[in-house]
Amino acid sequence: METEPVVRRASEIEYEPVGAAEGLEKGVLLDASDGAPTFAIRRFTLSTGSEVPRHTNEVEHEQYVLSGEYTVGIDDKEYVVSEGDSLLIPAGTVHWYRNEGEEEGAFLCAVPNGDDEIELVE
């Protein structure tokens, strides 16, 4: 079956809070339901003062920072990231986010289509 082109407008994207992290919202830009055969692209927003707890994901994450400045913990290292930075978070790697800045952070996150089990880490 041939993949058909898709254009989704920003106004069509619905954002929902992410359960384990107050201040984090996710909008799915494209995924398998749009006919994307391999990857899903999501846009996340991280409000000021919010924190995403330490967790792992079953799948890799490729991320691109759109705006803001915030801290990402990957394994035992902390990185301050801002607009234009890119990240690779391998599958199973402990990571977390914290926005102590004065503006909302936003990033794109590409993941393989399919299930992604998330596990919170103490």
N, C-alpha and C. Protein backbone atom coordinates (compact mmCIF):
# COMPACT_ATOMS: atom_id res chain seq x y z
N MET A 1 0.84 -1.19 0.00
CA MET A 1 0.00 0.00 0.00
C MET A 1 0.89 1.25 0.00
N GLU A 2 0.58 2.18 -0.84
CA GLU A 2 1.35 3.40 -0.97
C GLU A 2 0.95 4.41 0.11
N THR A 3 1.95 5.06 0.71
CA THR A 3 1.69 6.08 1.71
C THR A 3 1.25 7.37 1.04
N GLU A 4 0.17 7.95 1.51
CA GLU A 4 -0.36 9.19 0.97
C GLU A 4 0.23 10.38 1.74
N PRO A 5 0.48 11.49 1.04
CA PRO A 5 0.94 12.70 1.74
C PRO A 5 -0.12 13.21 2.72
N VAL A 6 0.35 13.81 3.80
CA VAL A 6 -0.55 14.37 4.81
C VAL A 6 -0.03 15.74 5.22
N VAL A 7 -0.92 16.70 5.34
CA VAL A 7 -0.58 18.01 5.91
C VAL A 7 -1.55 18.25 7.04
N ARG A 8 -1.02 18.41 8.25
CA ARG A 8 -1.86 18.73 9.41
C ARG A 8 -1.54 20.15 9.83
N ARG A 9 -2.57 20.93 10.00
CA ARG A 9 -2.41 22.32 10.41
C ARG A 9 -2.26 22.41 11.92
N ALA A 10 -1.54 23.42 12.38
CA ALA A 10 -1.33 23.62 13.82
C ALA A 10 -2.66 23.67 14.57
N SER A 11 -3.66 24.25 13.95
CA SER A 11 -4.98 24.39 14.60
C SER A 11 -5.68 23.05 14.77
N GLU A 12 -5.21 22.01 14.10
CA GLU A 12 -5.83 20.68 14.20
C GLU A 12 -5.25 19.84 15.34
N ILE A 13 -4.14 20.28 15.91
CA ILE A 13 -3.44 19.48 16.92
C ILE A 13 -4.08 19.73 18.29
N GLU A 14 -4.46 18.64 18.94
CA GLU A 14 -5.02 18.73 20.29
C GLU A 14 -3.93 18.37 21.30
N TYR A 15 -3.79 19.22 22.30
CA TYR A 15 -2.79 19.00 23.35
C TYR A 15 -3.48 18.46 24.59
N GLU A 16 -2.83 17.48 25.23
CA GLU A 16 -3.36 16.87 26.44
C GLU A 16 -2.28 16.84 27.52
N PRO A 17 -2.68 17.00 28.77
CA PRO A 17 -1.70 16.87 29.86
C PRO A 17 -1.12 15.46 29.89
N VAL A 18 0.14 15.36 30.27
CA VAL A 18 0.80 14.06 30.43
C VAL A 18 0.66 13.68 31.90
N GLY A 19 0.04 12.56 32.17
CA GLY A 19 -0.35 12.16 33.50
C GLY A 19 0.67 12.26 34.60
N ALA A 20 1.88 11.77 34.38
CA ALA A 20 2.87 11.69 35.45
C ALA A 20 3.61 13.00 35.69
N ALA A 21 3.33 14.02 34.89
CA ALA A 21 4.13 15.24 34.97
C ALA A 21 3.25 16.48 34.87
N GLU A 22 3.02 17.14 36.00
CA GLU A 22 2.23 18.37 35.99
C GLU A 22 2.99 19.45 35.22
N GLY A 23 2.32 20.11 34.29
CA GLY A 23 2.95 21.17 33.51
C GLY A 23 3.50 20.71 32.17
N LEU A 24 3.38 19.41 31.86
CA LEU A 24 3.82 18.87 30.58
C LEU A 24 2.60 18.52 29.75
N GLU A 25 2.55 19.03 28.51
CA GLU A 25 1.46 18.71 27.59
C GLU A 25 2.02 18.15 26.30
N LYS A 26 1.24 17.25 25.67
CA LYS A 26 1.68 16.59 24.45
C LYS A 26 0.63 16.74 23.36
N GLY A 27 1.10 17.06 22.16
CA GLY A 27 0.26 17.05 20.98
C GLY A 27 0.90 16.13 19.96
N VAL A 28 0.12 15.21 19.41
CA VAL A 28 0.64 14.30 18.39
C VAL A 28 0.49 14.98 17.04
N LEU A 29 1.62 15.26 16.39
CA LEU A 29 1.60 15.95 15.10
C LEU A 29 1.30 14.98 13.97
N LEU A 30 1.99 13.86 13.94
CA LEU A 30 1.78 12.80 12.95
C LEU A 30 2.13 11.47 13.58
N ASP A 31 1.36 10.43 13.23
CA ASP A 31 1.68 9.08 13.67
C ASP A 31 1.03 8.08 12.74
N ALA A 32 1.00 6.82 13.15
CA ALA A 32 0.46 5.76 12.30
C ALA A 32 -0.98 6.03 11.87
N SER A 33 -1.76 6.69 12.71
CA SER A 33 -3.16 6.96 12.36
C SER A 33 -3.28 7.94 11.19
N ASP A 34 -2.18 8.66 10.90
CA ASP A 34 -2.14 9.57 9.75
C ASP A 34 -1.51 8.90 8.53
N GLY A 35 -1.10 7.65 8.70
CA GLY A 35 -0.46 6.92 7.61
C GLY A 35 1.05 6.95 7.66
N ALA A 36 1.63 7.57 8.71
CA ALA A 36 3.10 7.59 8.85
C ALA A 36 3.55 6.15 9.14
N PRO A 37 4.34 5.55 8.26
CA PRO A 37 4.63 4.12 8.40
C PRO A 37 5.63 3.76 9.49
N THR A 38 6.50 4.68 9.88
CA THR A 38 7.61 4.29 10.75
C THR A 38 7.69 5.08 12.05
N PHE A 39 7.50 6.40 11.98
CA PHE A 39 7.73 7.26 13.13
C PHE A 39 6.51 8.10 13.49
N ALA A 40 6.44 8.47 14.76
CA ALA A 40 5.48 9.46 15.25
C ALA A 40 6.27 10.70 15.63
N ILE A 41 5.68 11.86 15.34
CA ILE A 41 6.29 13.12 15.78
C ILE A 41 5.30 13.78 16.72
N ARG A 42 5.79 14.11 17.91
CA ARG A 42 4.95 14.77 18.91
C ARG A 42 5.59 16.10 19.29
N ARG A 43 4.76 17.04 19.74
CA ARG A 43 5.25 18.33 20.25
C ARG A 43 4.86 18.41 21.71
N PHE A 44 5.85 18.67 22.55
CA PHE A 44 5.62 18.80 23.99
C PHE A 44 5.85 20.24 24.42
N THR A 45 5.08 20.68 25.41
CA THR A 45 5.34 21.96 26.06
C THR A 45 5.57 21.70 27.55
N LEU A 46 6.54 22.42 28.09
CA LEU A 46 6.95 22.25 29.49
C LEU A 46 6.84 23.62 30.16
N SER A 47 5.80 23.80 30.97
CA SER A 47 5.56 25.11 31.57
C SER A 47 6.63 25.47 32.60
N THR A 48 6.75 26.77 32.88
CA THR A 48 7.75 27.22 33.84
C THR A 48 7.45 26.61 35.21
N GLY A 49 8.50 26.23 35.90
CA GLY A 49 8.36 25.66 37.23
C GLY A 49 7.97 24.19 37.24
N SER A 50 7.83 23.57 36.09
CA SER A 50 7.40 22.17 36.07
C SER A 50 8.58 21.21 36.01
N GLU A 51 8.30 19.99 36.43
CA GLU A 51 9.31 18.94 36.47
C GLU A 51 8.69 17.64 36.01
N VAL A 52 9.42 16.90 35.18
CA VAL A 52 9.00 15.57 34.74
C VAL A 52 9.86 14.58 35.51
N PRO A 53 9.25 13.63 36.23
CA PRO A 53 10.03 12.72 37.07
C PRO A 53 10.95 11.80 36.27
N ARG A 54 11.92 11.24 36.97
CA ARG A 54 12.84 10.27 36.36
C ARG A 54 12.03 9.09 35.83
N HIS A 55 12.33 8.71 34.58
CA HIS A 55 11.61 7.60 33.97
C HIS A 55 12.43 7.00 32.83
N THR A 56 11.98 5.85 32.37
CA THR A 56 12.56 5.23 31.18
C THR A 56 11.44 4.99 30.18
N ASN A 57 11.82 4.88 28.92
CA ASN A 57 10.88 4.53 27.85
C ASN A 57 11.41 3.30 27.14
N GLU A 58 10.50 2.53 26.61
CA GLU A 58 10.87 1.30 25.90
C GLU A 58 11.51 1.60 24.55
N VAL A 59 11.25 2.80 24.01
CA VAL A 59 11.76 3.16 22.69
C VAL A 59 12.68 4.38 22.76
N GLU A 60 13.53 4.52 21.76
CA GLU A 60 14.40 5.69 21.67
C GLU A 60 13.59 6.96 21.45
N HIS A 61 14.20 8.10 21.78
CA HIS A 61 13.60 9.41 21.54
C HIS A 61 14.62 10.30 20.85
N GLU A 62 14.24 10.91 19.75
CA GLU A 62 15.04 11.96 19.14
C GLU A 62 14.27 13.26 19.38
N GLN A 63 14.93 14.25 19.94
CA GLN A 63 14.24 15.49 20.30
C GLN A 63 14.94 16.70 19.71
N TYR A 64 14.13 17.73 19.43
CA TYR A 64 14.64 19.00 18.92
C TYR A 64 13.96 20.11 19.72
N VAL A 65 14.76 20.96 20.35
CA VAL A 65 14.22 22.03 21.20
C VAL A 65 13.76 23.19 20.32
N LEU A 66 12.49 23.54 20.46
CA LEU A 66 11.89 24.63 19.69
C LEU A 66 12.02 25.98 20.37
N SER A 67 11.85 25.99 21.70
CA SER A 67 11.89 27.26 22.43
C SER A 67 12.14 27.02 23.91
N GLY A 68 12.49 28.09 24.60
CA GLY A 68 12.73 28.03 26.03
C GLY A 68 14.13 27.50 26.33
N GLU A 69 14.40 27.42 27.63
CA GLU A 69 15.63 26.84 28.13
C GLU A 69 15.26 26.02 29.35
N TYR A 70 15.68 24.77 29.38
CA TYR A 70 15.33 23.89 30.49
C TYR A 70 16.42 22.85 30.67
N THR A 71 16.35 22.11 31.76
CA THR A 71 17.35 21.11 32.09
C THR A 71 16.81 19.72 31.78
N VAL A 72 17.65 18.92 31.15
CA VAL A 72 17.31 17.52 30.89
C VAL A 72 18.37 16.68 31.60
N GLY A 73 17.92 15.75 32.41
CA GLY A 73 18.82 14.78 33.03
C GLY A 73 18.79 13.51 32.21
N ILE A 74 19.98 13.04 31.82
CA ILE A 74 20.09 11.78 31.08
C ILE A 74 21.13 10.95 31.82
N ASP A 75 20.69 9.79 32.32
CA ASP A 75 21.51 8.98 33.22
C ASP A 75 21.94 9.87 34.39
N ASP A 76 23.24 10.01 34.63
CA ASP A 76 23.68 10.80 35.77
C ASP A 76 24.22 12.17 35.38
N LYS A 77 23.91 12.64 34.16
CA LYS A 77 24.37 13.95 33.71
C LYS A 77 23.19 14.89 33.49
N GLU A 78 23.44 16.18 33.71
CA GLU A 78 22.44 17.22 33.47
C GLU A 78 22.90 18.10 32.31
N TYR A 79 21.95 18.44 31.44
CA TYR A 79 22.23 19.29 30.28
C TYR A 79 21.22 20.42 30.26
N VAL A 80 21.69 21.65 30.14
CA VAL A 80 20.80 22.79 29.92
C VAL A 80 20.66 22.91 28.41
N VAL A 81 19.43 22.82 27.93
CA VAL A 81 19.17 22.86 26.49
C VAL A 81 18.31 24.06 26.15
N SER A 82 18.45 24.53 24.91
CA SER A 82 17.67 25.67 24.44
C SER A 82 17.42 25.54 22.94
N GLU A 83 16.71 26.50 22.40
CA GLU A 83 16.28 26.50 21.00
C GLU A 83 17.41 26.06 20.05
N GLY A 84 17.10 25.08 19.21
CA GLY A 84 18.06 24.60 18.22
C GLY A 84 18.87 23.39 18.65
N ASP A 85 18.82 23.02 19.94
CA ASP A 85 19.57 21.86 20.41
C ASP A 85 18.82 20.57 20.06
N SER A 86 19.58 19.49 19.87
CA SER A 86 19.02 18.18 19.57
C SER A 86 19.50 17.17 20.60
N LEU A 87 18.66 16.17 20.88
CA LEU A 87 19.00 15.15 21.87
C LEU A 87 18.65 13.78 21.33
N LEU A 88 19.46 12.81 21.70
CA LEU A 88 19.13 11.40 21.48
C LEU A 88 19.07 10.75 22.85
N ILE A 89 17.92 10.20 23.18
CA ILE A 89 17.76 9.47 24.44
C ILE A 89 17.50 8.01 24.06
N PRO A 90 18.51 7.15 24.23
CA PRO A 90 18.35 5.75 23.83
C PRO A 90 17.26 5.04 24.63
N ALA A 91 16.68 4.03 24.05
CA ALA A 91 15.67 3.22 24.72
C ALA A 91 16.21 2.71 26.06
N GLY A 92 15.37 2.76 27.09
CA GLY A 92 15.74 2.24 28.40
C GLY A 92 16.61 3.16 29.25
N THR A 93 16.94 4.35 28.75
CA THR A 93 17.80 5.28 29.47
C THR A 93 16.98 6.13 30.44
N VAL A 94 17.43 6.23 31.69
CA VAL A 94 16.76 7.07 32.68
C VAL A 94 16.92 8.54 32.27
N HIS A 95 15.81 9.28 32.27
CA HIS A 95 15.87 10.70 31.94
C HIS A 95 14.74 11.45 32.63
N TRP A 96 14.88 12.78 32.71
CA TRP A 96 13.90 13.64 33.36
C TRP A 96 14.06 15.06 32.84
N TYR A 97 13.10 15.93 33.15
CA TYR A 97 13.13 17.33 32.68
C TYR A 97 12.75 18.26 33.82
N ARG A 98 13.32 19.49 33.78
CA ARG A 98 12.98 20.50 34.78
C ARG A 98 13.07 21.88 34.10
N ASN A 99 12.01 22.66 34.21
CA ASN A 99 12.02 24.00 33.63
C ASN A 99 12.03 25.03 34.74
N GLU A 100 13.21 25.59 35.00
CA GLU A 100 13.35 26.65 36.00
C GLU A 100 13.41 28.01 35.33
N GLY A 101 13.24 28.04 34.02
CA GLY A 101 13.32 29.29 33.26
C GLY A 101 12.08 30.14 33.41
N GLU A 102 12.12 31.27 32.75
CA GLU A 102 11.00 32.21 32.83
C GLU A 102 10.04 32.08 31.67
N GLU A 103 10.33 31.17 30.72
CA GLU A 103 9.41 30.95 29.62
C GLU A 103 9.18 29.46 29.41
N GLU A 104 8.04 29.17 28.81
CA GLU A 104 7.68 27.79 28.51
C GLU A 104 8.72 27.17 27.59
N GLY A 105 9.02 25.92 27.81
CA GLY A 105 9.88 25.17 26.90
C GLY A 105 9.01 24.38 25.94
N ALA A 106 9.51 24.16 24.73
CA ALA A 106 8.79 23.35 23.76
C ALA A 106 9.79 22.54 22.96
N PHE A 107 9.43 21.28 22.66
CA PHE A 107 10.32 20.45 21.87
C PHE A 107 9.53 19.46 21.03
N LEU A 108 10.14 19.07 19.91
CA LEU A 108 9.63 17.99 19.09
C LEU A 108 10.27 16.71 19.55
N CYS A 109 9.52 15.63 19.48
CA CYS A 109 10.04 14.32 19.88
C CYS A 109 9.58 13.29 18.86
N ALA A 110 10.54 12.65 18.21
CA ALA A 110 10.23 11.58 17.25
C ALA A 110 10.51 10.24 17.91
N VAL A 111 9.57 9.32 17.74
CA VAL A 111 9.70 7.97 18.28
C VAL A 111 9.19 6.97 17.25
N PRO A 112 9.65 5.73 17.32
CA PRO A 112 9.09 4.72 16.43
C PRO A 112 7.60 4.52 16.73
N ASN A 113 6.82 4.26 15.71
CA ASN A 113 5.40 3.95 15.93
C ASN A 113 5.26 2.69 16.78
N GLY A 114 4.16 2.58 17.47
CA GLY A 114 3.91 1.40 18.30
C GLY A 114 3.85 1.75 19.77
N ASP A 115 3.76 0.72 20.58
CA ASP A 115 3.66 0.91 22.02
C ASP A 115 4.98 1.40 22.61
N ASP A 116 4.86 2.24 23.62
CA ASP A 116 6.04 2.74 24.33
C ASP A 116 5.74 2.66 25.82
N GLU A 117 6.27 1.65 26.46
CA GLU A 117 6.04 1.49 27.90
C GLU A 117 6.92 2.46 28.66
N ILE A 118 6.30 3.25 29.53
CA ILE A 118 7.00 4.22 30.35
C ILE A 118 7.04 3.69 31.78
N GLU A 119 8.23 3.75 32.39
CA GLU A 119 8.38 3.29 33.75
C GLU A 119 9.00 4.39 34.60
N LEU A 120 8.30 4.79 35.66
CA LEU A 120 8.85 5.79 36.58
C LEU A 120 9.95 5.14 37.41
N VAL A 121 11.01 5.92 37.69
CA VAL A 121 12.17 5.43 38.41
C VAL A 121 12.30 6.22 39.70
N GLU A 122 12.47 5.53 40.81
CA GLU A 122 12.62 6.19 42.11
C GLU A 122 13.98 6.83 42.23
